[in-house]
Protein backbone atom coordinates (compact mmCIF):
# COMPACT_ATOMS: atom_id res chain seq x y z
CA UNK A 1 28.79 30.99 33.32
CA UNK A 2 29.33 27.44 32.04
CA UNK A 3 30.07 27.13 28.34
CA UNK A 4 27.26 25.96 26.08
CA UNK A 5 28.09 22.71 24.04
CA UNK A 6 26.88 23.06 20.70
CA UNK A 7 25.66 19.96 18.46
CA UNK A 8 28.18 18.92 15.74
CA UNK A 9 26.89 20.45 12.32
CA UNK A 10 26.66 18.77 9.15
CA UNK A 11 26.60 21.18 6.21
CA UNK A 12 25.33 20.76 2.87
CA UNK A 13 25.82 23.28 0.10
CA UNK A 14 24.82 23.32 -3.65
CA UNK A 15 26.77 25.99 -5.93
CA UNK A 16 27.10 26.71 -9.54
CA UNK A 17 24.69 25.97 -12.19
CA UNK A 18 21.32 26.72 -11.62
CA UNK A 19 22.12 27.72 -8.32
CA UNK A 20 23.78 30.92 -10.04
CA UNK A 21 20.48 31.91 -11.16
CA UNK A 22 19.33 32.11 -7.40
CA UNK A 23 16.61 29.25 -7.90
CA UNK A 24 16.62 25.49 -8.04
CA UNK A 25 14.15 22.88 -8.41
CA UNK A 26 12.53 22.17 -5.18
CA UNK A 27 12.23 18.43 -5.84
CA UNK A 28 15.88 18.23 -6.39
CA UNK A 29 16.97 20.06 -3.34
CA UNK A 30 14.80 17.92 -1.24
CA UNK A 31 16.00 14.67 -2.93
CA UNK A 32 19.53 15.49 -2.31
CA UNK A 33 19.02 16.38 1.31
CA UNK A 34 17.21 12.90 1.62
CA UNK A 35 19.98 11.04 -0.01
CA UNK A 36 22.56 12.60 2.25
CA UNK A 37 20.50 11.86 5.41
CA UNK A 38 20.25 8.24 4.12
CA UNK A 39 24.02 8.07 3.65
CA UNK A 40 24.54 9.16 7.33
CA UNK A 41 21.99 6.91 8.66
CA UNK A 42 23.29 3.72 6.47
CA UNK A 43 26.88 4.26 7.15
CA UNK A 44 26.14 5.04 10.98
CA UNK A 45 24.06 1.83 11.40
CA UNK A 46 27.07 -0.06 9.96
CA UNK A 47 29.43 1.55 12.37
CA UNK A 48 27.00 0.61 15.37
CA UNK A 49 26.65 -2.83 14.09
CA UNK A 50 30.65 -3.17 14.19
CA UNK A 51 30.54 -1.90 17.56
CA UNK A 52 28.20 -4.58 18.67
CA UNK A 53 25.27 -2.07 19.55
CA UNK A 54 22.09 -3.84 20.17
CA UNK A 55 19.11 -2.55 17.99
CA UNK A 56 21.24 -0.35 16.03
CA UNK A 57 19.04 1.99 14.07
CA UNK A 58 21.39 4.71 12.54
CA UNK A 59 19.20 7.59 14.21
CA UNK A 60 21.07 10.41 14.96
CA UNK A 61 18.46 13.09 15.77
CA UNK A 62 19.49 14.98 12.51
CA UNK A 63 17.50 18.36 12.60
CA UNK A 64 17.42 21.16 10.27
CA UNK A 65 18.91 24.39 11.67
CA UNK A 66 16.93 27.50 11.20
CA UNK A 67 17.90 31.08 11.19
CA UNK A 68 20.53 32.81 9.42
CA UNK A 69 22.93 29.83 9.36
CA UNK A 70 20.40 27.46 8.36
CA UNK A 71 18.53 26.50 4.96
CA UNK A 72 19.04 29.86 3.04
CA UNK A 73 19.61 31.01 -0.61
CA UNK A 74 22.74 33.22 -1.08
CA UNK A 75 24.17 34.48 -4.44
CA UNK A 76 25.01 31.27 -6.36
CA UNK A 77 24.41 28.80 -3.69
CA UNK A 78 21.71 27.09 -1.39
CA UNK A 79 22.74 25.86 1.97
CA UNK A 80 21.60 23.67 4.67
CA UNK A 81 23.02 22.96 8.05
CA UNK A 82 22.04 19.66 10.03
CA UNK A 83 22.73 19.18 13.82
CA UNK A 84 23.32 15.99 14.91
CA UNK A 85 21.66 15.61 18.32
CA UNK A 86 21.59 11.87 19.13
CA UNK A 87 24.46 9.22 19.47
CA UNK A 88 26.62 12.01 18.47
CA UNK A 89 30.08 10.35 18.58
CA UNK A 90 28.62 7.81 16.23
CA UNK A 91 27.06 10.20 14.07
CA UNK A 92 30.17 12.21 13.83
CA UNK A 93 32.05 9.23 12.58
CA UNK A 94 29.48 8.59 10.06
CA UNK A 95 29.38 12.04 8.55
CA UNK A 96 33.32 11.92 8.50
CA UNK A 97 33.40 8.69 6.79
CA UNK A 98 30.89 10.00 3.95
CA UNK A 99 33.03 13.29 3.63
CA UNK A 100 36.15 11.44 3.14
CA UNK A 101 34.80 8.95 0.71
CA UNK A 102 33.41 12.01 -1.30
CA UNK A 103 37.16 13.61 -0.88
CA UNK A 104 38.70 10.34 -2.17
CA UNK A 105 36.20 10.00 -5.13
CA UNK A 106 37.19 13.67 -6.20
CA UNK A 107 40.73 13.36 -5.91
CA UNK A 108 41.95 9.85 -6.96
CA UNK A 109 42.06 8.67 -10.48
CA UNK A 110 39.99 5.62 -9.42
CA UNK A 111 39.59 4.01 -12.89
CA UNK A 112 43.44 3.10 -12.83
CA UNK A 113 43.70 2.33 -9.08
CA UNK A 114 42.64 -0.66 -7.19
CA UNK A 115 41.72 1.53 -3.88
CA UNK A 116 38.19 1.21 -4.88
CA UNK A 117 37.75 -1.86 -2.92
CA UNK A 118 37.76 0.07 0.40
CA UNK A 119 34.85 2.18 -0.92
CA UNK A 120 31.37 1.53 0.61
CA UNK A 121 29.13 0.43 -2.20
CA UNK A 122 26.21 2.17 -0.30
CA UNK A 123 27.90 5.42 -0.36
CA UNK A 124 28.63 5.15 -4.19
CA UNK A 125 24.93 4.21 -4.83
CA UNK A 126 23.82 7.26 -2.84
CA UNK A 127 26.25 9.39 -4.56
CA UNK A 128 25.49 8.10 -8.06
CA UNK A 129 21.74 9.16 -7.29
CA UNK A 130 22.98 12.62 -6.06
CA UNK A 131 25.09 12.95 -9.16
CA UNK A 132 22.14 12.37 -11.63
CA UNK A 133 20.41 15.48 -10.35
CA UNK A 134 23.67 17.80 -10.39
CA UNK A 135 24.36 16.63 -13.82
CA UNK A 136 20.79 18.33 -14.64
CA UNK A 137 21.27 21.36 -12.61
CA UNK A 138 24.98 21.58 -13.40
CA UNK A 139 25.60 22.07 -9.55
CA UNK A 140 28.36 21.18 -7.51
CA UNK A 141 28.10 19.70 -4.09
CA UNK A 142 29.94 20.73 -1.13
CA UNK A 143 29.85 18.78 2.18
CA UNK A 144 31.63 19.71 5.60
CA UNK A 145 31.33 18.40 9.12
CA UNK A 146 31.94 20.43 12.25
CA UNK A 147 32.27 18.32 15.47
CA UNK A 148 31.90 21.47 17.62
CA UNK A 149 35.57 20.97 18.79
CA UNK A 150 38.51 23.35 17.95
CA UNK A 151 39.48 21.16 15.24
CA UNK A 152 39.04 22.40 11.78
CA UNK A 153 36.16 21.27 9.76
CA UNK A 154 36.39 18.43 7.55
CA UNK A 155 35.54 19.56 3.94
CA UNK A 156 34.76 17.81 0.50
CA UNK A 157 33.54 18.90 -2.99
CA UNK A 158 31.58 16.42 -4.91
CA UNK A 159 31.82 17.93 -8.67
CA UNK A 160 32.83 16.79 -12.07
CA UNK A 161 35.94 14.47 -11.00
CA UNK A 162 33.78 12.73 -8.28
CA UNK A 163 30.73 12.29 -10.50
CA UNK A 164 32.89 10.77 -13.23
CA UNK A 165 34.48 8.30 -10.43
CA UNK A 166 30.96 7.12 -9.47
CA UNK A 167 30.02 6.41 -12.84
CA UNK A 168 33.46 4.74 -13.38
CA UNK A 169 32.90 2.58 -10.15
CA UNK A 170 29.26 1.61 -11.22
CA UNK A 171 30.09 0.48 -14.74
CA UNK A 172 29.98 -2.87 -15.69
CA UNK A 173 33.15 -4.76 -15.53
CA UNK A 174 32.21 -8.20 -17.24
CA UNK A 175 29.14 -10.40 -17.72
CA UNK A 176 28.27 -14.14 -17.71
CA UNK A 177 25.46 -15.77 -19.72
CA UNK A 178 23.13 -18.51 -18.78
CA UNK A 179 23.94 -18.43 -15.13
CA UNK A 180 21.53 -19.86 -12.34
CA UNK A 181 21.56 -18.41 -8.77
CA UNK A 182 19.56 -19.45 -5.68
CA UNK A 183 18.32 -17.53 -2.97
CA UNK A 184 15.19 -15.83 -1.27
CA UNK A 185 13.30 -13.09 -3.56
CA UNK A 186 12.98 -9.71 -1.52
CA UNK A 187 12.21 -5.88 -2.30
CA UNK A 188 10.09 -6.21 -5.55
CA UNK A 189 9.97 -2.54 -6.93
CA UNK A 190 9.21 -0.97 -10.24
CA UNK A 191 12.26 0.84 -10.47
CA UNK A 192 15.89 -0.05 -10.21
CA UNK A 193 17.51 0.37 -6.77
CA UNK A 194 20.65 1.84 -8.09
CA UNK A 195 18.87 4.29 -10.19
CA UNK A 196 20.48 3.29 -13.46
CA UNK A 197 18.10 1.35 -15.36
CA UNK A 198 14.83 3.06 -15.05
CA UNK A 199 11.87 2.09 -17.27
CA UNK A 200 13.23 -1.48 -18.06
CA UNK A 201 10.82 -3.90 -16.44
CA UNK A 202 10.67 -4.27 -12.71
CA UNK A 203 13.15 -5.21 -10.20
CA UNK A 204 13.83 -7.62 -7.10
CA UNK A 205 16.61 -8.21 -4.58
CA UNK A 206 17.90 -11.90 -4.26
CA UNK A 207 19.57 -12.74 -0.80
CA UNK A 208 21.74 -15.86 -1.18
CA UNK A 209 22.48 -18.40 1.61
CA UNK A 210 25.85 -17.10 1.96
CA UNK A 211 24.57 -13.68 2.45
CA UNK A 212 25.39 -12.13 -0.74
CA UNK A 213 22.74 -9.63 -2.26
CA UNK A 214 21.90 -9.48 -5.95
CA UNK A 215 19.80 -7.18 -7.87
CA UNK A 216 17.45 -9.11 -10.30
CA UNK A 217 16.14 -7.20 -13.50
CA UNK A 218 12.61 -8.94 -14.61
CA UNK A 219 10.79 -8.45 -17.71
CA UNK A 220 7.37 -6.62 -17.33
CA UNK A 221 5.55 -9.70 -18.65
CA UNK A 222 6.80 -11.90 -15.85
CA UNK A 223 4.82 -9.96 -13.07
CA UNK A 224 2.45 -12.69 -12.51
CA UNK A 225 5.01 -15.34 -12.46
CA UNK A 226 7.30 -13.56 -10.22
CA UNK A 227 4.79 -12.02 -7.66
CA UNK A 228 3.81 -15.58 -6.16
CA UNK A 229 7.51 -16.12 -5.30
CA UNK A 230 8.20 -13.17 -3.24
CA UNK A 231 9.89 -14.16 0.05
CA UNK A 232 10.66 -17.83 -1.49
CA UNK A 233 13.54 -19.59 -2.21
CA UNK A 234 14.04 -19.34 -6.08
CA UNK A 235 16.32 -20.33 -8.80
CA UNK A 236 16.96 -17.64 -11.17
CA UNK A 237 18.58 -18.02 -14.76
CA UNK A 238 19.82 -15.31 -17.08
CA UNK A 239 22.69 -12.84 -17.67
CA UNK A 240 24.92 -11.78 -14.68
CA UNK A 241 26.51 -8.46 -14.65
CA UNK A 242 29.33 -7.66 -12.44
CA UNK A 243 30.45 -4.05 -11.23
CA UNK A 244 33.51 -2.83 -9.55
CA UNK A 245 31.61 -1.71 -6.70
CA UNK A 246 27.99 -1.89 -7.26
CA UNK A 247 25.85 -4.99 -6.36
CA UNK A 248 25.77 -7.71 -9.05
CA UNK A 249 22.59 -8.01 -11.26
CA UNK A 250 21.18 -10.84 -12.97
CA UNK A 251 18.95 -10.01 -15.98
CA UNK A 252 16.33 -12.94 -15.53
CA UNK A 253 15.30 -15.17 -18.35
CA UNK A 254 13.81 -17.75 -16.03
CA UNK A 255 12.70 -17.96 -12.42
CA UNK A 256 11.16 -20.71 -10.69
CA UNK A 257 10.63 -21.98 -7.21
CA UNK A 258 13.63 -23.96 -5.93
CA UNK A 259 12.93 -27.51 -5.41
CA UNK A 260 13.45 -29.12 -2.10
CA UNK A 261 16.69 -31.13 -2.12
CA UNK A 262 17.02 -34.39 -0.19
CA UNK A 263 20.80 -34.38 0.34
CA UNK A 264 20.92 -38.01 2.11
CA UNK A 265 19.23 -39.39 -1.07
CA UNK A 266 21.76 -37.77 -3.22
CA UNK A 267 24.64 -38.94 -0.95
CA UNK A 268 23.37 -42.43 -1.15
CA UNK A 269 22.87 -42.35 -4.72
CA UNK A 270 26.45 -41.03 -5.40
CA UNK A 271 27.68 -43.67 -2.91
CA UNK A 272 25.93 -46.28 -4.84
CA UNK A 273 27.95 -45.55 -7.96
CA UNK A 274 31.47 -46.48 -6.24
CA UNK A 275 30.08 -48.78 -3.46
CA UNK A 276 32.99 -51.21 -4.13
CA UNK A 277 35.57 -48.43 -3.32
CA UNK A 278 34.06 -47.57 0.26
CA UNK A 279 33.28 -51.22 1.25
CA UNK A 280 30.88 -49.94 4.01
CA UNK A 281 27.25 -49.07 4.01
CA UNK A 282 25.79 -45.54 4.18
CA UNK A 283 25.38 -45.27 7.91
CA UNK A 284 29.03 -46.44 8.63
CA UNK A 285 30.34 -43.75 6.53
CA UNK A 286 28.26 -40.97 8.20
CA UNK A 287 29.78 -42.13 11.57
CA UNK A 288 33.13 -42.13 10.10
CA UNK A 289 32.70 -38.66 8.60
CA UNK A 290 31.53 -37.41 12.11
CA UNK A 291 34.30 -39.01 13.84
CA UNK A 292 32.06 -41.47 15.83
């Protein structure tokens, strides 16, 4: 009889704290499970993009396993096992990257090390959200990926050290006053995407021409001014805050539509300032620049 190939299994276990009482808030458990799901999806999508997969989706057919080894309370813990059923090899790579990052955060003294540059900011963001729930419930998160082979499962614990490392990585490093950045405004929301500054106005996402993404914090009173600028090119002025890993933030003091620029007119104006130096007209200079 041929041997049945089992799907790889990703295990999530919450222990200590309220779990020792044999009960945990349902909303907290579901939130942690969803954050882990999105972690695997986002990391997997990046891996697919790097491999050149067309229409990469990060869909790995994640299924919650029922039965004795599935979602169950045991004395002092709650455990869920999730099967990876689609795009299996990439799903395993994504899960292993998540577990390795958690292991690194838990074991390295990151505030004094420059290695944080290799840590995926998306993983730090999601783990920070999980950490906020863990602090309330005083729990410890255990993750493991069993690829279904004879290899030993890869395991990691996200406890006090890991939560402290995530907080350090998302702490501001420096800020700059009166900075203006330009880009297209996306993703207006009434909460901070990073989950840090709740209840402080509303938020947007600004994508610059070079692909860099910024979080934008607006005052609640600016809602009517900002809404018409959604998905438009804008100029945002305010205080910029930079972090070790997290997406930079600008606390907006002013926003306006970015005016159209006539680059040829600007070039002509600057050329006119030193016309005697160039000894040629504008069209001739353009041809020289193009090597014509």
